[in-house]
Amino acid sequence: QVQLVESGGGSAQAGGSLRLSCAASGDIYKYYMAWFRQRPGKEREAVAGISFPDGSWKSYHDSVKDRFTISRDNAKNTVYLQMNTLSPEDTAMYYCAAGSGAWSRSSWFRDNRYNIWGQGTQVTVSS
């Protein structure tokens, strides 16, 4: 199975932007993908999900709609999360996840649907 490595995290000012990347060690076209985050003192939550193979379907947590965009480039085996208009509430460890089992649009946000996880990348937004 593939391994996932996130990058692109760091510090940003409120209102700024960051782009996270999730590079896979192998083909990702057969995986549905998602970004999760864990904010300090909070449980892990799904941020954005994208279908396979072509990413024609996407979904977002309400708190990031219209600010974050998930995309995938199967040729590069990479998934991205473009984050705009960042706020301090977006401060979290961000994780990339891939799933290859049963999946449905109604359950994309459930972390038990994903069987491959990256190590995470920290995003810190200051006001």
N, C-alpha and C. Protein backbone atom coordinates (compact mmCIF):
# COMPACT_ATOMS: atom_id res chain seq x y z
N GLN A 1 0.83 -1.18 0.00
CA GLN A 1 0.00 0.00 0.00
C GLN A 1 0.88 1.25 0.00
N VAL A 2 0.31 2.36 -0.43
CA VAL A 2 1.11 3.57 -0.54
C VAL A 2 1.37 4.17 0.84
N GLN A 3 2.39 5.00 0.88
CA GLN A 3 2.65 5.82 2.05
C GLN A 3 2.40 7.27 1.67
N LEU A 4 1.98 8.06 2.66
CA LEU A 4 1.62 9.45 2.42
C LEU A 4 2.53 10.37 3.22
N VAL A 5 2.97 11.44 2.58
CA VAL A 5 3.82 12.42 3.26
C VAL A 5 3.26 13.81 3.00
N GLU A 6 2.87 14.47 4.08
CA GLU A 6 2.35 15.83 3.96
C GLU A 6 3.47 16.86 4.02
N SER A 7 3.23 17.98 3.39
CA SER A 7 4.16 19.11 3.47
C SER A 7 3.38 20.40 3.22
N GLY A 8 4.05 21.51 3.45
CA GLY A 8 3.43 22.80 3.18
C GLY A 8 2.89 23.52 4.40
N GLY A 9 2.90 22.85 5.53
CA GLY A 9 2.44 23.51 6.74
C GLY A 9 3.43 24.57 7.19
N GLY A 10 3.01 25.32 8.18
CA GLY A 10 3.88 26.37 8.71
C GLY A 10 3.05 27.42 9.39
N SER A 11 3.60 28.61 9.48
CA SER A 11 2.94 29.72 10.14
C SER A 11 2.38 30.69 9.11
N ALA A 12 1.24 31.26 9.44
CA ALA A 12 0.61 32.24 8.56
C ALA A 12 -0.12 33.26 9.42
N GLN A 13 -0.32 34.41 8.85
CA GLN A 13 -1.13 35.44 9.50
C GLN A 13 -2.59 35.22 9.15
N ALA A 14 -3.45 35.66 10.01
CA ALA A 14 -4.89 35.59 9.70
C ALA A 14 -5.15 36.32 8.39
N GLY A 15 -5.96 35.67 7.57
CA GLY A 15 -6.24 36.23 6.25
C GLY A 15 -5.31 35.73 5.17
N GLY A 16 -4.25 35.05 5.57
CA GLY A 16 -3.28 34.56 4.62
C GLY A 16 -3.66 33.21 4.02
N SER A 17 -2.72 32.66 3.28
CA SER A 17 -2.97 31.40 2.57
C SER A 17 -1.80 30.44 2.76
N LEU A 18 -2.11 29.18 2.69
CA LEU A 18 -1.11 28.11 2.64
C LEU A 18 -1.64 27.03 1.70
N ARG A 19 -0.73 26.30 1.11
CA ARG A 19 -1.13 25.14 0.32
C ARG A 19 -0.41 23.91 0.86
N LEU A 20 -1.20 22.97 1.29
CA LEU A 20 -0.66 21.70 1.76
C LEU A 20 -0.60 20.71 0.61
N SER A 21 0.43 19.89 0.64
CA SER A 21 0.58 18.82 -0.34
C SER A 21 0.67 17.48 0.37
N CYS A 22 0.17 16.48 -0.28
CA CYS A 22 0.23 15.12 0.23
C CYS A 22 0.78 14.25 -0.89
N ALA A 23 2.03 13.87 -0.77
CA ALA A 23 2.68 13.07 -1.79
C ALA A 23 2.61 11.60 -1.43
N ALA A 24 2.17 10.80 -2.39
CA ALA A 24 2.06 9.36 -2.17
C ALA A 24 3.23 8.63 -2.81
N SER A 25 3.55 7.49 -2.23
CA SER A 25 4.68 6.71 -2.73
C SER A 25 4.31 5.87 -3.94
N GLY A 26 3.03 5.83 -4.28
CA GLY A 26 2.59 5.05 -5.42
C GLY A 26 1.31 5.64 -6.00
N ASP A 27 0.68 4.90 -6.87
CA ASP A 27 -0.52 5.37 -7.55
C ASP A 27 -1.65 5.65 -6.57
N ILE A 28 -2.29 6.79 -6.76
CA ILE A 28 -3.40 7.16 -5.88
C ILE A 28 -4.74 7.16 -6.60
N TYR A 29 -4.74 6.84 -7.90
CA TYR A 29 -5.97 6.98 -8.68
C TYR A 29 -7.10 6.10 -8.13
N LYS A 30 -6.73 5.00 -7.43
CA LYS A 30 -7.74 4.09 -6.93
C LYS A 30 -8.15 4.37 -5.49
N TYR A 31 -7.63 5.47 -4.96
CA TYR A 31 -7.95 5.81 -3.58
C TYR A 31 -8.83 7.06 -3.51
N TYR A 32 -9.82 7.02 -2.64
CA TYR A 32 -10.46 8.27 -2.29
C TYR A 32 -9.61 8.90 -1.19
N MET A 33 -9.56 10.22 -1.22
CA MET A 33 -8.60 10.94 -0.39
C MET A 33 -9.31 12.00 0.45
N ALA A 34 -8.68 12.37 1.53
CA ALA A 34 -9.25 13.40 2.38
C ALA A 34 -8.16 14.06 3.20
N TRP A 35 -8.51 15.24 3.65
CA TRP A 35 -7.69 15.94 4.64
C TRP A 35 -8.48 16.01 5.94
N PHE A 36 -7.81 15.69 7.02
CA PHE A 36 -8.37 15.81 8.36
C PHE A 36 -7.49 16.79 9.14
N ARG A 37 -8.01 17.26 10.24
CA ARG A 37 -7.19 18.09 11.12
C ARG A 37 -7.57 17.81 12.57
N GLN A 38 -6.60 18.08 13.44
CA GLN A 38 -6.87 17.97 14.86
C GLN A 38 -6.41 19.27 15.50
N ARG A 39 -7.37 20.03 15.95
CA ARG A 39 -7.08 21.30 16.61
C ARG A 39 -6.76 21.04 18.08
N PRO A 40 -6.02 21.94 18.72
CA PRO A 40 -5.65 21.73 20.12
C PRO A 40 -6.86 21.49 21.00
N GLY A 41 -6.83 20.40 21.72
CA GLY A 41 -7.91 20.08 22.64
C GLY A 41 -9.17 19.56 21.98
N LYS A 42 -9.12 19.31 20.67
CA LYS A 42 -10.31 18.86 19.94
C LYS A 42 -10.07 17.48 19.34
N GLU A 43 -11.15 16.85 18.97
CA GLU A 43 -11.04 15.58 18.26
C GLU A 43 -10.70 15.84 16.79
N ARG A 44 -10.15 14.82 16.17
CA ARG A 44 -9.83 14.93 14.76
C ARG A 44 -11.13 15.09 13.96
N GLU A 45 -11.08 15.93 12.96
CA GLU A 45 -12.26 16.19 12.14
C GLU A 45 -11.88 16.21 10.67
N ALA A 46 -12.83 15.81 9.85
CA ALA A 46 -12.61 15.85 8.41
C ALA A 46 -12.74 17.27 7.91
N VAL A 47 -11.85 17.66 7.05
CA VAL A 47 -11.85 19.00 6.48
C VAL A 47 -12.35 18.99 5.05
N ALA A 48 -11.82 18.07 4.24
CA ALA A 48 -12.20 18.02 2.82
C ALA A 48 -11.96 16.62 2.30
N GLY A 49 -12.83 16.20 1.41
CA GLY A 49 -12.70 14.88 0.80
C GLY A 49 -12.87 14.98 -0.70
N ILE A 50 -12.27 14.03 -1.40
CA ILE A 50 -12.33 14.03 -2.86
C ILE A 50 -12.44 12.60 -3.36
N SER A 51 -13.28 12.42 -4.37
CA SER A 51 -13.54 11.07 -4.88
C SER A 51 -12.42 10.59 -5.79
N PHE A 52 -12.46 9.32 -6.11
CA PHE A 52 -11.54 8.75 -7.08
C PHE A 52 -12.30 8.29 -8.29
N PRO A 53 -11.71 8.12 -9.47
CA PRO A 53 -10.31 8.42 -9.70
C PRO A 53 -10.04 9.88 -10.06
N ASP A 54 -11.06 10.61 -10.52
CA ASP A 54 -10.75 11.91 -11.11
C ASP A 54 -11.09 13.10 -10.24
N GLY A 55 -11.58 12.86 -9.03
CA GLY A 55 -11.89 13.97 -8.15
C GLY A 55 -13.08 14.79 -8.58
N SER A 56 -14.02 14.17 -9.27
CA SER A 56 -15.17 14.91 -9.76
C SER A 56 -16.12 15.32 -8.65
N TRP A 57 -16.02 14.66 -7.53
CA TRP A 57 -16.86 14.99 -6.37
C TRP A 57 -15.98 15.42 -5.22
N LYS A 58 -16.38 16.50 -4.57
CA LYS A 58 -15.64 17.02 -3.43
C LYS A 58 -16.62 17.43 -2.35
N SER A 59 -16.15 17.40 -1.12
CA SER A 59 -17.00 17.87 -0.03
C SER A 59 -16.12 18.50 1.04
N TYR A 60 -16.74 19.40 1.81
CA TYR A 60 -15.98 20.18 2.78
C TYR A 60 -16.73 20.30 4.09
N HIS A 61 -15.95 20.44 5.15
CA HIS A 61 -16.54 20.80 6.44
C HIS A 61 -17.12 22.21 6.30
N ASP A 62 -18.23 22.44 6.97
CA ASP A 62 -18.89 23.74 6.84
C ASP A 62 -17.96 24.90 7.17
N SER A 63 -17.07 24.70 8.12
CA SER A 63 -16.22 25.81 8.58
C SER A 63 -15.17 26.23 7.55
N VAL A 64 -14.95 25.41 6.53
CA VAL A 64 -13.91 25.75 5.54
C VAL A 64 -14.46 25.95 4.14
N LYS A 65 -15.76 25.74 3.99
CA LYS A 65 -16.36 25.94 2.66
C LYS A 65 -16.08 27.35 2.17
N ASP A 66 -15.79 27.46 0.90
CA ASP A 66 -15.50 28.74 0.25
C ASP A 66 -14.15 29.31 0.63
N ARG A 67 -13.41 28.62 1.49
CA ARG A 67 -12.06 29.06 1.83
C ARG A 67 -11.00 28.04 1.44
N PHE A 68 -11.32 26.77 1.56
CA PHE A 68 -10.38 25.70 1.27
C PHE A 68 -10.80 24.98 -0.01
N THR A 69 -9.81 24.48 -0.75
CA THR A 69 -10.08 23.72 -1.96
C THR A 69 -9.19 22.49 -1.99
N ILE A 70 -9.81 21.34 -2.14
CA ILE A 70 -9.06 20.10 -2.28
C ILE A 70 -8.97 19.75 -3.75
N SER A 71 -7.83 19.20 -4.13
CA SER A 71 -7.65 18.78 -5.52
C SER A 71 -6.68 17.61 -5.55
N ARG A 72 -6.67 16.91 -6.66
CA ARG A 72 -5.75 15.79 -6.80
C ARG A 72 -5.13 15.80 -8.19
N ASP A 73 -3.88 15.38 -8.23
CA ASP A 73 -3.15 15.22 -9.48
C ASP A 73 -2.63 13.79 -9.50
N ASN A 74 -3.38 12.91 -10.13
CA ASN A 74 -3.00 11.50 -10.13
C ASN A 74 -1.68 11.26 -10.85
N ALA A 75 -1.37 12.08 -11.83
CA ALA A 75 -0.11 11.92 -12.55
C ALA A 75 1.09 12.16 -11.63
N LYS A 76 0.89 13.02 -10.64
CA LYS A 76 1.95 13.32 -9.68
C LYS A 76 1.75 12.58 -8.36
N ASN A 77 0.68 11.79 -8.29
CA ASN A 77 0.37 11.07 -7.05
C ASN A 77 0.34 12.01 -5.85
N THR A 78 -0.32 13.12 -6.03
CA THR A 78 -0.34 14.16 -5.01
C THR A 78 -1.75 14.72 -4.85
N VAL A 79 -2.09 14.99 -3.61
CA VAL A 79 -3.35 15.66 -3.27
C VAL A 79 -2.98 16.97 -2.59
N TYR A 80 -3.78 17.97 -2.87
CA TYR A 80 -3.50 19.31 -2.35
C TYR A 80 -4.67 19.82 -1.51
N LEU A 81 -4.34 20.74 -0.63
CA LEU A 81 -5.36 21.49 0.09
C LEU A 81 -4.94 22.94 0.06
N GLN A 82 -5.63 23.71 -0.77
CA GLN A 82 -5.38 25.15 -0.83
C GLN A 82 -6.23 25.80 0.25
N MET A 83 -5.58 26.52 1.14
CA MET A 83 -6.27 27.13 2.27
C MET A 83 -6.13 28.64 2.17
N ASN A 84 -7.24 29.31 2.00
CA ASN A 84 -7.26 30.78 1.89
C ASN A 84 -8.02 31.37 3.06
N THR A 85 -7.83 32.65 3.25
CA THR A 85 -8.51 33.39 4.31
C THR A 85 -8.40 32.64 5.63
N LEU A 86 -7.20 32.29 5.97
CA LEU A 86 -6.97 31.52 7.19
C LEU A 86 -7.34 32.33 8.42
N SER A 87 -7.78 31.61 9.44
CA SER A 87 -8.08 32.23 10.72
C SER A 87 -7.38 31.44 11.83
N PRO A 88 -7.21 32.03 13.00
CA PRO A 88 -6.57 31.30 14.10
C PRO A 88 -7.27 29.98 14.42
N GLU A 89 -8.57 29.89 14.12
CA GLU A 89 -9.30 28.65 14.37
C GLU A 89 -8.88 27.52 13.44
N ASP A 90 -8.12 27.84 12.41
CA ASP A 90 -7.60 26.80 11.52
C ASP A 90 -6.30 26.20 12.02
N THR A 91 -5.77 26.72 13.11
CA THR A 91 -4.56 26.17 13.69
C THR A 91 -4.79 24.73 14.10
N ALA A 92 -3.97 23.83 13.55
CA ALA A 92 -4.18 22.40 13.78
C ALA A 92 -3.05 21.61 13.13
N MET A 93 -3.00 20.34 13.50
CA MET A 93 -2.20 19.38 12.75
C MET A 93 -3.09 18.86 11.63
N TYR A 94 -2.60 18.92 10.41
CA TYR A 94 -3.38 18.48 9.26
C TYR A 94 -2.83 17.15 8.75
N TYR A 95 -3.75 16.23 8.51
CA TYR A 95 -3.39 14.89 8.07
C TYR A 95 -4.04 14.57 6.73
N CYS A 96 -3.28 13.92 5.90
CA CYS A 96 -3.80 13.38 4.65
C CYS A 96 -4.17 11.92 4.87
N ALA A 97 -5.26 11.48 4.25
CA ALA A 97 -5.71 10.11 4.41
C ALA A 97 -6.18 9.55 3.08
N ALA A 98 -6.00 8.25 2.92
CA ALA A 98 -6.43 7.56 1.71
C ALA A 98 -7.23 6.33 2.09
N GLY A 99 -8.24 6.05 1.31
CA GLY A 99 -9.07 4.89 1.58
C GLY A 99 -9.27 4.07 0.33
N SER A 100 -9.37 2.76 0.52
CA SER A 100 -9.56 1.87 -0.63
C SER A 100 -10.69 0.88 -0.44
N GLY A 101 -11.39 0.98 0.67
CA GLY A 101 -12.49 0.06 0.91
C GLY A 101 -13.81 0.67 0.51
N ALA A 102 -14.86 0.21 1.18
CA ALA A 102 -16.19 0.74 0.89
C ALA A 102 -16.23 2.23 1.19
N TRP A 103 -16.81 2.96 0.31
CA TRP A 103 -16.88 4.42 0.45
C TRP A 103 -18.18 4.92 -0.11
N SER A 104 -18.71 5.93 0.50
CA SER A 104 -19.88 6.57 -0.05
C SER A 104 -19.80 8.05 0.26
N ARG A 105 -20.49 8.83 -0.52
CA ARG A 105 -20.45 10.27 -0.32
C ARG A 105 -21.00 10.66 1.04
N SER A 106 -21.88 9.84 1.57
CA SER A 106 -22.50 10.19 2.84
C SER A 106 -21.59 9.92 4.03
N SER A 107 -20.49 9.21 3.81
CA SER A 107 -19.63 8.85 4.94
C SER A 107 -18.18 9.26 4.73
N TRP A 108 -17.93 10.17 3.81
CA TRP A 108 -16.57 10.54 3.48
C TRP A 108 -15.83 11.12 4.69
N PHE A 109 -16.57 11.68 5.63
CA PHE A 109 -15.96 12.38 6.76
C PHE A 109 -15.60 11.45 7.92
N ARG A 110 -15.94 10.20 7.82
CA ARG A 110 -15.67 9.25 8.91
C ARG A 110 -14.25 8.74 8.79
N ASP A 111 -13.45 8.95 9.84
CA ASP A 111 -12.04 8.59 9.72
C ASP A 111 -11.84 7.08 9.63
N ASN A 112 -12.80 6.28 10.07
CA ASN A 112 -12.61 4.84 9.96
C ASN A 112 -12.80 4.32 8.53
N ARG A 113 -13.12 5.23 7.60
CA ARG A 113 -13.21 4.85 6.19
C ARG A 113 -11.84 4.89 5.51
N TYR A 114 -10.83 5.41 6.21
CA TYR A 114 -9.52 5.60 5.61
C TYR A 114 -8.52 4.69 6.30
N ASN A 115 -7.74 3.98 5.51
CA ASN A 115 -6.82 3.01 6.08
C ASN A 115 -5.35 3.39 5.92
N ILE A 116 -5.08 4.53 5.28
CA ILE A 116 -3.70 4.98 5.13
C ILE A 116 -3.64 6.45 5.56
N TRP A 117 -2.68 6.74 6.42
CA TRP A 117 -2.56 8.09 6.97
C TRP A 117 -1.13 8.58 6.87
N GLY A 118 -1.01 9.89 6.67
CA GLY A 118 0.30 10.52 6.74
C GLY A 118 0.65 10.87 8.17
N GLN A 119 1.82 11.45 8.34
CA GLN A 119 2.29 11.78 9.69
C GLN A 119 1.80 13.15 10.15
N GLY A 120 1.29 13.94 9.25
CA GLY A 120 0.74 15.24 9.61
C GLY A 120 1.69 16.39 9.35
N THR A 121 1.11 17.56 9.17
CA THR A 121 1.88 18.79 9.03
C THR A 121 1.17 19.88 9.83
N GLN A 122 1.94 20.62 10.59
CA GLN A 122 1.37 21.60 11.50
C GLN A 122 1.09 22.92 10.78
N VAL A 123 -0.09 23.45 11.03
CA VAL A 123 -0.47 24.78 10.53
C VAL A 123 -0.78 25.65 11.74
N THR A 124 -0.13 26.79 11.81
CA THR A 124 -0.36 27.73 12.91
C THR A 124 -0.70 29.09 12.32
N VAL A 125 -1.86 29.59 12.71
CA VAL A 125 -2.33 30.88 12.19
C VAL A 125 -2.41 31.87 13.34
N SER A 126 -1.75 32.98 13.18
CA SER A 126 -1.76 34.00 14.22
C SER A 126 -2.64 35.18 13.82
N SER A 127 -3.20 35.81 14.83
CA SER A 127 -4.11 36.93 14.56
C SER A 127 -3.35 38.25 14.44
